[in-house]
């Protein structure tokens, strides 16, 4: 089962918004999310780009834990921040980035 729905919801996007961004119909996105249809590789790559994730994640070949473990050189507070960031919706992530920029500049 593809993880498109999970990634889409994490970004705070509706099906129609994702469909517009990758230039397919809402019914097509629904089919991908329910497992009724499989996206061609070109569309899968577009979806991954829009959702700012990897095709491996969308295909279920990579978990968030695996991503964190792949970055073992991160300090524990960096891993904690990354974990919290990944739990946020799209709007909250944008707010956090704006706040962080204000603190740095």
PDB file of N, CA and C in Angstrom:
ATOM      1  N   UNK A   1       0.841  -1.184   0.000  1.00  0.00           N
ATOM      2  CA  UNK A   1       0.000   0.000   0.000  1.00  0.00           C
ATOM      3  C   UNK A   1       0.883   1.243   0.000  1.00  0.00           C
ATOM      4  N   UNK A   2       0.611   2.143  -0.896  1.00  0.00           N
ATOM      5  CA  UNK A   2       1.387   3.371  -0.989  1.00  0.00           C
ATOM      6  C   UNK A   2       1.053   4.297   0.187  1.00  0.00           C
ATOM      7  N   UNK A   3       2.000   5.150   0.543  1.00  0.00           N
ATOM      8  CA  UNK A   3       1.811   6.083   1.650  1.00  0.00           C
ATOM      9  C   UNK A   3       1.498   7.493   1.165  1.00  0.00           C
ATOM     10  N   UNK A   4       0.911   7.611  -0.008  1.00  0.00           N
ATOM     11  CA  UNK A   4       0.610   8.928  -0.570  1.00  0.00           C
ATOM     12  C   UNK A   4      -0.360   9.685   0.325  1.00  0.00           C
ATOM     13  N   UNK A   5      -1.397   9.016   0.791  1.00  0.00           N
ATOM     14  CA  UNK A   5      -2.403   9.680   1.622  1.00  0.00           C
ATOM     15  C   UNK A   5      -1.773  10.234   2.901  1.00  0.00           C
ATOM     16  N   UNK A   6      -0.937   9.439   3.554  1.00  0.00           N
ATOM     17  CA  UNK A   6      -0.282   9.889   4.782  1.00  0.00           C
ATOM     18  C   UNK A   6       0.573  11.121   4.526  1.00  0.00           C
ATOM     19  N   UNK A   7       1.368  11.070   3.473  1.00  0.00           N
ATOM     20  CA  UNK A   7       2.256  12.193   3.149  1.00  0.00           C
ATOM     21  C   UNK A   7       1.448  13.426   2.751  1.00  0.00           C
ATOM     22  N   UNK A   8       0.366  13.223   2.009  1.00  0.00           N
ATOM     23  CA  UNK A   8      -0.484  14.342   1.592  1.00  0.00           C
ATOM     24  C   UNK A   8      -1.106  15.023   2.796  1.00  0.00           C
ATOM     25  N   UNK A   9      -1.635  14.228   3.717  1.00  0.00           N
ATOM     26  CA  UNK A   9      -2.270  14.787   4.908  1.00  0.00           C
ATOM     27  C   UNK A   9      -1.244  15.508   5.783  1.00  0.00           C
ATOM     28  N   UNK A  10      -0.039  14.964   5.861  1.00  0.00           N
ATOM     29  CA  UNK A  10       1.018  15.604   6.639  1.00  0.00           C
ATOM     30  C   UNK A  10       1.327  16.999   6.080  1.00  0.00           C
ATOM     31  N   UNK A  11       1.211  17.145   4.780  1.00  0.00           N
ATOM     32  CA  UNK A  11       1.448  18.438   4.129  1.00  0.00           C
ATOM     33  C   UNK A  11       0.238  19.359   4.217  1.00  0.00           C
ATOM     34  N   UNK A  12      -0.885  18.839   4.702  1.00  0.00           N
ATOM     35  CA  UNK A  12      -2.086  19.654   4.824  1.00  0.00           C
ATOM     36  C   UNK A  12      -2.775  19.919   3.491  1.00  0.00           C
ATOM     37  N   UNK A  13      -2.571  19.013   2.534  1.00  0.00           N
ATOM     38  CA  UNK A  13      -3.168  19.165   1.206  1.00  0.00           C
ATOM     39  C   UNK A  13      -4.410  18.297   1.067  1.00  0.00           C
ATOM     40  N   UNK A  14      -5.368  18.784   0.313  1.00  0.00           N
ATOM     41  CA  UNK A  14      -6.543  18.004  -0.073  1.00  0.00           C
ATOM     42  C   UNK A  14      -6.198  17.240  -1.351  1.00  0.00           C
ATOM     43  N   UNK A  15      -6.992  16.218  -1.647  1.00  0.00           N
ATOM     44  CA  UNK A  15      -6.740  15.438  -2.864  1.00  0.00           C
ATOM     45  C   UNK A  15      -6.740  16.322  -4.100  1.00  0.00           C
ATOM     46  N   UNK A  16      -7.684  17.243  -4.188  1.00  0.00           N
ATOM     47  CA  UNK A  16      -7.765  18.080  -5.385  1.00  0.00           C
ATOM     48  C   UNK A  16      -6.535  18.978  -5.530  1.00  0.00           C
ATOM     49  N   UNK A  17      -5.951  19.401  -4.409  1.00  0.00           N
ATOM     50  CA  UNK A  17      -4.754  20.246  -4.474  1.00  0.00           C
ATOM     51  C   UNK A  17      -3.559  19.458  -5.002  1.00  0.00           C
ATOM     52  N   UNK A  18      -3.400  18.231  -4.503  1.00  0.00           N
ATOM     53  CA  UNK A  18      -2.316  17.382  -4.999  1.00  0.00           C
ATOM     54  C   UNK A  18      -2.538  17.063  -6.473  1.00  0.00           C
ATOM     55  N   UNK A  19      -3.774  16.770  -6.826  1.00  0.00           N
ATOM     56  CA  UNK A  19      -4.092  16.454  -8.221  1.00  0.00           C
ATOM     57  C   UNK A  19      -3.716  17.609  -9.147  1.00  0.00           C
ATOM     58  N   UNK A  20      -4.030  18.828  -8.737  1.00  0.00           N
ATOM     59  CA  UNK A  20      -3.681  20.001  -9.547  1.00  0.00           C
ATOM     60  C   UNK A  20      -2.166  20.144  -9.699  1.00  0.00           C
ATOM     61  N   UNK A  21      -1.448  19.916  -8.619  1.00  0.00           N
ATOM     62  CA  UNK A  21       0.000  20.109  -8.633  1.00  0.00           C
ATOM     63  C   UNK A  21       0.730  19.082  -9.503  1.00  0.00           C
ATOM     64  N   UNK A  22       0.179  17.872  -9.611  1.00  0.00           N
ATOM     65  CA  UNK A  22       0.836  16.844 -10.433  1.00  0.00           C
ATOM     66  C   UNK A  22       0.120  16.622 -11.760  1.00  0.00           C
ATOM     67  N   UNK A  23      -0.924  17.426 -11.994  1.00  0.00           N
ATOM     68  CA  UNK A  23      -1.635  17.422 -13.276  1.00  0.00           C
ATOM     69  C   UNK A  23      -2.321  16.086 -13.587  1.00  0.00           C
ATOM     70  N   UNK A  24      -3.056  15.583 -12.586  1.00  0.00           N
ATOM     71  CA  UNK A  24      -3.899  14.400 -12.775  1.00  0.00           C
ATOM     72  C   UNK A  24      -5.259  14.708 -12.160  1.00  0.00           C
ATOM     73  N   UNK A  25      -6.221  13.831 -12.345  1.00  0.00           N
ATOM     74  CA  UNK A  25      -7.556  14.048 -11.781  1.00  0.00           C
ATOM     75  C   UNK A  25      -7.603  13.650 -10.309  1.00  0.00           C
ATOM     76  N   UNK A  26      -8.609  14.172  -9.620  1.00  0.00           N
ATOM     77  CA  UNK A  26      -8.835  13.792  -8.225  1.00  0.00           C
ATOM     78  C   UNK A  26      -9.110  12.294  -8.130  1.00  0.00           C
ATOM     79  N   UNK A  27      -9.843  11.763  -9.112  1.00  0.00           N
ATOM     80  CA  UNK A  27     -10.148  10.335  -9.119  1.00  0.00           C
ATOM     81  C   UNK A  27      -8.860   9.502  -9.223  1.00  0.00           C
ATOM     82  N   UNK A  28      -7.888  10.014  -9.968  1.00  0.00           N
ATOM     83  CA  UNK A  28      -6.612   9.311 -10.098  1.00  0.00           C
ATOM     84  C   UNK A  28      -5.876   9.287  -8.765  1.00  0.00           C
ATOM     85  N   UNK A  29      -5.820  10.421  -8.079  1.00  0.00           N
ATOM     86  CA  UNK A  29      -5.175  10.480  -6.753  1.00  0.00           C
ATOM     87  C   UNK A  29      -5.890   9.536  -5.797  1.00  0.00           C
ATOM     88  N   UNK A  30      -7.219   9.537  -5.825  1.00  0.00           N
ATOM     89  CA  UNK A  30      -7.993   8.646  -4.970  1.00  0.00           C
ATOM     90  C   UNK A  30      -7.639   7.184  -5.259  1.00  0.00           C
ATOM     91  N   UNK A  31      -7.507   6.851  -6.523  1.00  0.00           N
ATOM     92  CA  UNK A  31      -7.136   5.484  -6.904  1.00  0.00           C
ATOM     93  C   UNK A  31      -5.762   5.090  -6.383  1.00  0.00           C
ATOM     94  N   UNK A  32      -4.819   6.018  -6.438  1.00  0.00           N
ATOM     95  CA  UNK A  32      -3.478   5.747  -5.908  1.00  0.00           C
ATOM     96  C   UNK A  32      -3.531   5.520  -4.398  1.00  0.00           C
ATOM     97  N   UNK A  33      -4.310   6.374  -3.711  1.00  0.00           N
ATOM     98  CA  UNK A  33      -4.367   6.298  -2.251  1.00  0.00           C
ATOM     99  C   UNK A  33      -5.082   5.045  -1.752  1.00  0.00           C
ATOM    100  N   UNK A  34      -6.041   4.556  -2.499  1.00  0.00           N
ATOM    101  CA  UNK A  34      -6.780   3.363  -2.072  1.00  0.00           C
ATOM    102  C   UNK A  34      -6.140   2.064  -2.551  1.00  0.00           C
ATOM    103  N   UNK A  35      -5.154   2.192  -3.433  1.00  0.00           N
ATOM    104  CA  UNK A  35      -4.511   0.997  -3.970  1.00  0.00           C
ATOM    105  C   UNK A  35      -5.196   0.443  -5.205  1.00  0.00           C
ATOM    106  N   UNK A  36      -6.231   1.121  -5.671  1.00  0.00           N
ATOM    107  CA  UNK A  36      -6.950   0.679  -6.865  1.00  0.00           C
ATOM    108  C   UNK A  36      -6.091   0.829  -8.118  1.00  0.00           C
ATOM    109  N   UNK A  37      -5.206   1.826  -8.099  1.00  0.00           N
ATOM    110  CA  UNK A  37      -4.329   2.084  -9.248  1.00  0.00           C
ATOM    111  C   UNK A  37      -2.913   2.353  -8.749  1.00  0.00           C
ATOM    112  N   UNK A  38      -1.948   2.121  -9.597  1.00  0.00           N
ATOM    113  CA  UNK A  38      -0.539   2.386  -9.287  1.00  0.00           C
ATOM    114  C   UNK A  38      -0.049   3.514 -10.188  1.00  0.00           C
ATOM    115  N   UNK A  39       0.601   4.512  -9.598  1.00  0.00           N
ATOM    116  CA  UNK A  39       1.074   5.620 -10.435  1.00  0.00           C
ATOM    117  C   UNK A  39       2.273   5.223 -11.284  1.00  0.00           C
ATOM    118  N   UNK A  40       2.343   5.742 -12.518  1.00  0.00           N
ATOM    119  CA  UNK A  40       3.562   5.537 -13.293  1.00  0.00           C
ATOM    120  C   UNK A  40       4.714   6.264 -12.596  1.00  0.00           C
ATOM    121  N   UNK A  41       5.926   5.841 -12.848  1.00  0.00           N
ATOM    122  CA  UNK A  41       7.097   6.376 -12.151  1.00  0.00           C
ATOM    123  C   UNK A  41       7.197   7.894 -12.281  1.00  0.00           C
ATOM    124  N   UNK A  42       6.849   8.436 -13.453  1.00  0.00           N
ATOM    125  CA  UNK A  42       6.942   9.891 -13.648  1.00  0.00           C
ATOM    126  C   UNK A  42       5.999  10.632 -12.692  1.00  0.00           C
ATOM    127  N   UNK A  43       4.813  10.091 -12.516  1.00  0.00           N
ATOM    128  CA  UNK A  43       3.837  10.712 -11.607  1.00  0.00           C
ATOM    129  C   UNK A  43       4.263  10.504 -10.163  1.00  0.00           C
ATOM    130  N   UNK A  44       4.772   9.343  -9.828  1.00  0.00           N
ATOM    131  CA  UNK A  44       5.246   9.076  -8.471  1.00  0.00           C
ATOM    132  C   UNK A  44       6.344  10.064  -8.083  1.00  0.00           C
ATOM    133  N   UNK A  45       7.245  10.342  -9.019  1.00  0.00           N
ATOM    134  CA  UNK A  45       8.316  11.307  -8.763  1.00  0.00           C
ATOM    135  C   UNK A  45       7.736  12.693  -8.541  1.00  0.00           C
ATOM    136  N   UNK A  46       6.756  13.100  -9.346  1.00  0.00           N
ATOM    137  CA  UNK A  46       6.110  14.403  -9.163  1.00  0.00           C
ATOM    138  C   UNK A  46       5.434  14.486  -7.804  1.00  0.00           C
ATOM    139  N   UNK A  47       4.739  13.413  -7.429  1.00  0.00           N
ATOM    140  CA  UNK A  47       4.064  13.391  -6.129  1.00  0.00           C
ATOM    141  C   UNK A  47       5.086  13.520  -5.003  1.00  0.00           C
ATOM    142  N   UNK A  48       6.174  12.790  -5.092  1.00  0.00           N
ATOM    143  CA  UNK A  48       7.227  12.866  -4.069  1.00  0.00           C
ATOM    144  C   UNK A  48       7.787  14.280  -3.979  1.00  0.00           C
ATOM    145  N   UNK A  49       7.993  14.914  -5.122  1.00  0.00           N
ATOM    146  CA  UNK A  49       8.519  16.287  -5.124  1.00  0.00           C
ATOM    147  C   UNK A  49       7.544  17.251  -4.462  1.00  0.00           C
ATOM    148  N   UNK A  50       6.268  17.157  -4.826  1.00  0.00           N
ATOM    149  CA  UNK A  50       5.252  18.042  -4.255  1.00  0.00           C
ATOM    150  C   UNK A  50       5.135  17.829  -2.749  1.00  0.00           C
ATOM    151  N   UNK A  51       5.184  16.576  -2.321  1.00  0.00           N
ATOM    152  CA  UNK A  51       5.020  16.262  -0.904  1.00  0.00           C
ATOM    153  C   UNK A  51       6.329  16.336  -0.124  1.00  0.00           C
ATOM    154  N   UNK A  52       7.397  16.698  -0.820  1.00  0.00           N
ATOM    155  CA  UNK A  52       8.716  16.850  -0.213  1.00  0.00           C
ATOM    156  C   UNK A  52       9.131  15.601   0.565  1.00  0.00           C
ATOM    157  N   UNK A  53       9.030  14.472  -0.110  1.00  0.00           N
ATOM    158  CA  UNK A  53       9.434  13.202   0.467  1.00  0.00           C
ATOM    159  C   UNK A  53      10.136  12.399  -0.617  1.00  0.00           C
ATOM    160  N   UNK A  54      10.440  11.157  -0.331  1.00  0.00           N
ATOM    161  CA  UNK A  54      11.112  10.309  -1.305  1.00  0.00           C
ATOM    162  C   UNK A  54      10.127   9.315  -1.914  1.00  0.00           C
ATOM    163  N   UNK A  55      10.466   8.839  -3.088  1.00  0.00           N
ATOM    164  CA  UNK A  55       9.642   7.798  -3.697  1.00  0.00           C
ATOM    165  C   UNK A  55       9.712   6.531  -2.846  1.00  0.00           C
ATOM    166  N   UNK A  56      10.852   6.262  -2.240  1.00  0.00           N
ATOM    167  CA  UNK A  56      10.961   5.092  -1.365  1.00  0.00           C
ATOM    168  C   UNK A  56       9.984   5.178  -0.200  1.00  0.00           C
ATOM    169  N   UNK A  57       9.828   6.369   0.378  1.00  0.00           N
ATOM    170  CA  UNK A  57       8.862   6.526   1.461  1.00  0.00           C
ATOM    171  C   UNK A  57       7.447   6.259   0.951  1.00  0.00           C
ATOM    172  N   UNK A  58       7.106   6.839  -0.196  1.00  0.00           N
ATOM    173  CA  UNK A  58       5.763   6.649  -0.750  1.00  0.00           C
ATOM    174  C   UNK A  58       5.485   5.190  -1.077  1.00  0.00           C
ATOM    175  N   UNK A  59       6.514   4.462  -1.453  1.00  0.00           N
ATOM    176  CA  UNK A  59       6.364   3.048  -1.788  1.00  0.00           C
ATOM    177  C   UNK A  59       6.409   2.138  -0.562  1.00  0.00           C
ATOM    178  N   UNK A  60       6.649   2.715   0.616  1.00  0.00           N
ATOM    179  CA  UNK A  60       6.706   1.927   1.841  1.00  0.00           C
ATOM    180  C   UNK A  60       8.037   1.239   2.068  1.00  0.00           C
ATOM    181  N   UNK A  61       9.055   1.646   1.319  1.00  0.00           N
ATOM    182  CA  UNK A  61      10.379   1.026   1.452  1.00  0.00           C
ATOM    183  C   UNK A  61      11.248   1.731   2.486  1.00  0.00           C
ATOM    184  N   UNK A  62      10.772   2.844   3.013  1.00  0.00           N
ATOM    185  CA  UNK A  62      11.554   3.658   3.932  1.00  0.00           C
ATOM    186  C   UNK A  62      10.611   4.177   4.997  1.00  0.00           C
ATOM    187  N   UNK A  63      11.004   4.079   6.246  1.00  0.00           N
ATOM    188  CA  UNK A  63      10.192   4.621   7.329  1.00  0.00           C
ATOM    189  C   UNK A  63      10.871   5.853   7.890  1.00  0.00           C
ATOM    190  N   UNK A  64      10.132   6.641   8.636  1.00  0.00           N
ATOM    191  CA  UNK A  64      10.737   7.821   9.260  1.00  0.00           C
ATOM    192  C   UNK A  64      11.876   7.420  10.181  1.00  0.00           C
ATOM    193  N   UNK A  65      11.719   6.317  10.888  1.00  0.00           N
ATOM    194  CA  UNK A  65      12.779   5.851  11.774  1.00  0.00           C
ATOM    195  C   UNK A  65      14.033   5.541  10.975  1.00  0.00           C
ATOM    196  N   UNK A  66      13.842   4.918   9.827  1.00  0.00           N
ATOM    197  CA  UNK A  66      14.979   4.628   8.960  1.00  0.00           C
ATOM    198  C   UNK A  66      15.671   5.882   8.485  1.00  0.00           C
ATOM    199  N   UNK A  67      14.899   6.922   8.199  1.00  0.00           N
ATOM    200  CA  UNK A  67      15.481   8.187   7.770  1.00  0.00           C
ATOM    201  C   UNK A  67      16.302   8.786   8.898  1.00  0.00           C
ATOM    202  N   UNK A  68      15.771   8.775  10.097  1.00  0.00           N
ATOM    203  CA  UNK A  68      16.500   9.323  11.238  1.00  0.00           C
ATOM    204  C   UNK A  68      17.771   8.519  11.485  1.00  0.00           C
ATOM    205  N   UNK A  69      17.677   7.185  11.430  1.00  0.00           N
ATOM    206  CA  UNK A  69      18.861   6.357  11.632  1.00  0.00           C
ATOM    207  C   UNK A  69      19.903   6.582  10.546  1.00  0.00           C
ATOM    208  N   UNK A  70      19.468   6.912   9.344  1.00  0.00           N
ATOM    209  CA  UNK A  70      20.408   7.190   8.271  1.00  0.00           C
ATOM    210  C   UNK A  70      21.197   8.454   8.554  1.00  0.00           C
ATOM    211  N   UNK A  71      20.666   9.319   9.416  1.00  0.00           N
ATOM    212  CA  UNK A  71      21.341  10.548   9.800  1.00  0.00           C
ATOM    213  C   UNK A  71      21.895  10.415  11.214  1.00  0.00           C
ATOM    214  N   UNK A  72      22.615   9.338  11.470  1.00  0.00           N
ATOM    215  CA  UNK A  72      23.100   9.025  12.806  1.00  0.00           C
ATOM    216  C   UNK A  72      24.055  10.074  13.342  1.00  0.00           C
ATOM    217  N   UNK A  73      24.589  10.930  12.475  1.00  0.00           N
ATOM    218  CA  UNK A  73      25.523  11.950  12.942  1.00  0.00           C
ATOM    219  C   UNK A  73      24.808  13.155  13.551  1.00  0.00           C
ATOM    220  N   UNK A  74      23.489  13.137  13.606  1.00  0.00           N
ATOM    221  CA  UNK A  74      22.741  14.222  14.226  1.00  0.00           C
ATOM    222  C   UNK A  74      22.807  14.104  15.740  1.00  0.00           C
ATOM    223  N   UNK A  75      22.867  15.256  16.409  1.00  0.00           N
ATOM    224  CA  UNK A  75      22.802  15.273  17.868  1.00  0.00           C
ATOM    225  C   UNK A  75      21.391  14.893  18.302  1.00  0.00           C
ATOM    226  N   UNK A  76      21.240  14.460  19.539  1.00  0.00           N
ATOM    227  CA  UNK A  76      19.934  13.998  20.011  1.00  0.00           C
ATOM    228  C   UNK A  76      18.885  15.108  19.966  1.00  0.00           C
ATOM    229  N   UNK A  77      19.278  16.356  20.247  1.00  0.00           N
ATOM    230  CA  UNK A  77      18.296  17.439  20.169  1.00  0.00           C
ATOM    231  C   UNK A  77      17.888  17.714  18.727  1.00  0.00           C
ATOM    232  N   UNK A  78      18.795  17.492  17.763  1.00  0.00           N
ATOM    233  CA  UNK A  78      18.450  17.648  16.353  1.00  0.00           C
ATOM    234  C   UNK A  78      17.463  16.564  15.918  1.00  0.00           C
ATOM    235  N   UNK A  79      17.674  15.354  16.373  1.00  0.00           N
ATOM    236  CA  UNK A  79      16.759  14.251  16.060  1.00  0.00           C
ATOM    237  C   UNK A  79      15.385  14.538  16.657  1.00  0.00           C
ATOM    238  N   UNK A  80      15.377  15.067  17.889  1.00  0.00           N
ATOM    239  CA  UNK A  80      14.109  15.398  18.535  1.00  0.00           C
ATOM    240  C   UNK A  80      13.371  16.480  17.755  1.00  0.00           C
ATOM    241  N   UNK A  81      14.073  17.529  17.338  1.00  0.00           N
ATOM    242  CA  UNK A  81      13.455  18.589  16.547  1.00  0.00           C
ATOM    243  C   UNK A  81      12.929  18.060  15.220  1.00  0.00           C
ATOM    244  N   UNK A  82      13.714  17.203  14.575  1.00  0.00           N
ATOM    245  CA  UNK A  82      13.299  16.627  13.305  1.00  0.00           C
ATOM    246  C   UNK A  82      12.045  15.779  13.481  1.00  0.00           C
ATOM    247  N   UNK A  83      12.000  14.995  14.547  1.00  0.00           N
ATOM    248  CA  UNK A  83      10.825  14.167  14.820  1.00  0.00           C
ATOM    249  C   UNK A  83       9.585  15.031  15.046  1.00  0.00           C
ATOM    250  N   UNK A  84       9.720  16.091  15.822  1.00  0.00           N
ATOM    251  CA  UNK A  84       8.593  16.995  16.062  1.00  0.00           C
ATOM    252  C   UNK A  84       8.159  17.693  14.776  1.00  0.00           C
ATOM    253  N   UNK A  85       9.124  18.125  13.977  1.00  0.00           N
ATOM    254  CA  UNK A  85       8.829  18.788  12.709  1.00  0.00           C
ATOM    255  C   UNK A  85       8.026  17.878  11.799  1.00  0.00           C
ATOM    256  N   UNK A  86       8.388  16.612  11.744  1.00  0.00           N
ATOM    257  CA  UNK A  86       7.701  15.661  10.867  1.00  0.00           C
ATOM    258  C   UNK A  86       6.276  15.388  11.311  1.00  0.00           C
ATOM    259  N   UNK A  87       5.957  15.681  12.551  1.00  0.00           N
ATOM    260  CA  UNK A  87       4.604  15.470  13.047  1.00  0.00           C
ATOM    261  C   UNK A  87       3.698  16.674  12.782  1.00  0.00           C
ATOM    262  N   UNK A  88       4.286  17.796  12.375  1.00  0.00           N
ATOM    263  CA  UNK A  88       3.516  19.021  12.140  1.00  0.00           C
ATOM    264  C   UNK A  88       2.823  18.998  10.786  1.00  0.00           C
ATOM    265  N   UNK A  89       1.741  19.771  10.695  1.00  0.00           N
ATOM    266  CA  UNK A  89       1.107  19.933   9.393  1.00  0.00           C
ATOM    267  C   UNK A  89       1.858  21.002   8.600  1.00  0.00           C
ATOM    268  N   UNK A  90       1.495  21.163   7.351  1.00  0.00           N
ATOM    269  CA  UNK A  90       2.205  22.062   6.437  1.00  0.00           C
ATOM    270  C   UNK A  90       2.247  23.499   6.962  1.00  0.00           C
ATOM    271  N   UNK A  91       1.116  24.005   7.463  1.00  0.00           N
ATOM    272  CA  UNK A  91       1.061  25.383   7.939  1.00  0.00           C
ATOM    273  C   UNK A  91       1.963  25.591   9.155  1.00  0.00           C
ATOM    274  N   UNK A  92       1.941  24.655  10.080  1.00  0.00           N
ATOM    275  CA  UNK A  92       2.785  24.768  11.273  1.00  0.00           C
ATOM    276  C   UNK A  92       4.267  24.719  10.912  1.00  0.00           C
ATOM    277  N   UNK A  93       4.612  23.880   9.931  1.00  0.00           N
ATOM    278  CA  UNK A  93       6.005  23.822   9.484  1.00  0.00           C
ATOM    279  C   UNK A  93       6.449  25.168   8.934  1.00  0.00           C
ATOM    280  N   UNK A  94       5.596  25.812   8.142  1.00  0.00           N
ATOM    281  CA  UNK A  94       5.942  27.124   7.590  1.00  0.00           C
ATOM    282  C   UNK A  94       6.094  28.168   8.688  1.00  0.00           C
ATOM    283  N   UNK A  95       5.228  28.132   9.691  1.00  0.00           N
ATOM    284  CA  UNK A  95       5.341  29.056  10.817  1.00  0.00           C
ATOM    285  C   UNK A  95       6.645  28.841  11.567  1.00  0.00           C
ATOM    286  N   UNK A  96       6.989  27.593  11.796  1.00  0.00           N
ATOM    287  CA  UNK A  96       8.222  27.276  12.517  1.00  0.00           C
ATOM    288  C   UNK A  96       9.448  27.761  11.748  1.00  0.00           C
ATOM    289  N   UNK A  97       9.444  27.570  10.459  1.00  0.00           N
ATOM    290  CA  UNK A  97      10.572  28.030   9.634  1.00  0.00           C
ATOM    291  C   UNK A  97      10.693  29.548   9.713  1.00  0.00           C
ATOM    292  N   UNK A  98       9.571  30.243   9.637  1.00  0.00           N
ATOM    293  CA  UNK A  98       9.590  31.707   9.755  1.00  0.00           C
ATOM    294  C   UNK A  98      10.117  32.154  11.110  1.00  0.00           C
ATOM    295  N   UNK A  99       9.709  31.472  12.158  1.00  0.00           N
ATOM    296  CA  UNK A  99      10.171  31.792  13.501  1.00  0.00           C
ATOM    297  C   UNK A  99      11.669  31.542  13.632  1.00  0.00           C
ATOM    298  N   UNK A 100      12.125  30.424  13.103  1.00  0.00           N
ATOM    299  CA  UNK A 100      13.555  30.097  13.169  1.00  0.00           C
ATOM    300  C   UNK A 100      14.382  31.129  12.415  1.00  0.00           C
ATOM    301  N   UNK A 101      13.911  31.553  11.250  1.00  0.00           N
ATOM    302  CA  UNK A 101      14.626  32.579  10.482  1.00  0.00           C
ATOM    303  C   UNK A 101      14.699  33.884  11.253  1.00  0.00           C
ATOM    304  N   UNK A 102      13.600  34.236  11.926  1.00  0.00           N
ATOM    305  CA  UNK A 102      13.588  35.481  12.727  1.00  0.00           C
ATOM    306  C   UNK A 102      14.598  35.405  13.863  1.00  0.00           C
ATOM    307  N   UNK A 103      14.760  34.232  14.440  1.00  0.00           N
ATOM    308  CA  UNK A 103      15.728  34.078  15.537  1.00  0.00           C
ATOM    309  C   UNK A 103      17.170  34.178  15.028  1.00  0.00           C
ATOM    310  N   UNK A 104      17.417  33.663  13.842  1.00  0.00           N
ATOM    311  CA  UNK A 104      18.774  33.627  13.296  1.00  0.00           C
ATOM    312  C   UNK A 104      19.192  34.977  12.754  1.00  0.00           C
ATOM    313  N   UNK A 105      18.260  35.687  12.111  1.00  0.00           N
ATOM    314  CA  UNK A 105      18.622  36.956  11.455  1.00  0.00           C
ATOM    315  C   UNK A 105      18.402  38.090  12.359  1.00  0.00           C
TER     316      UNK A 105
END
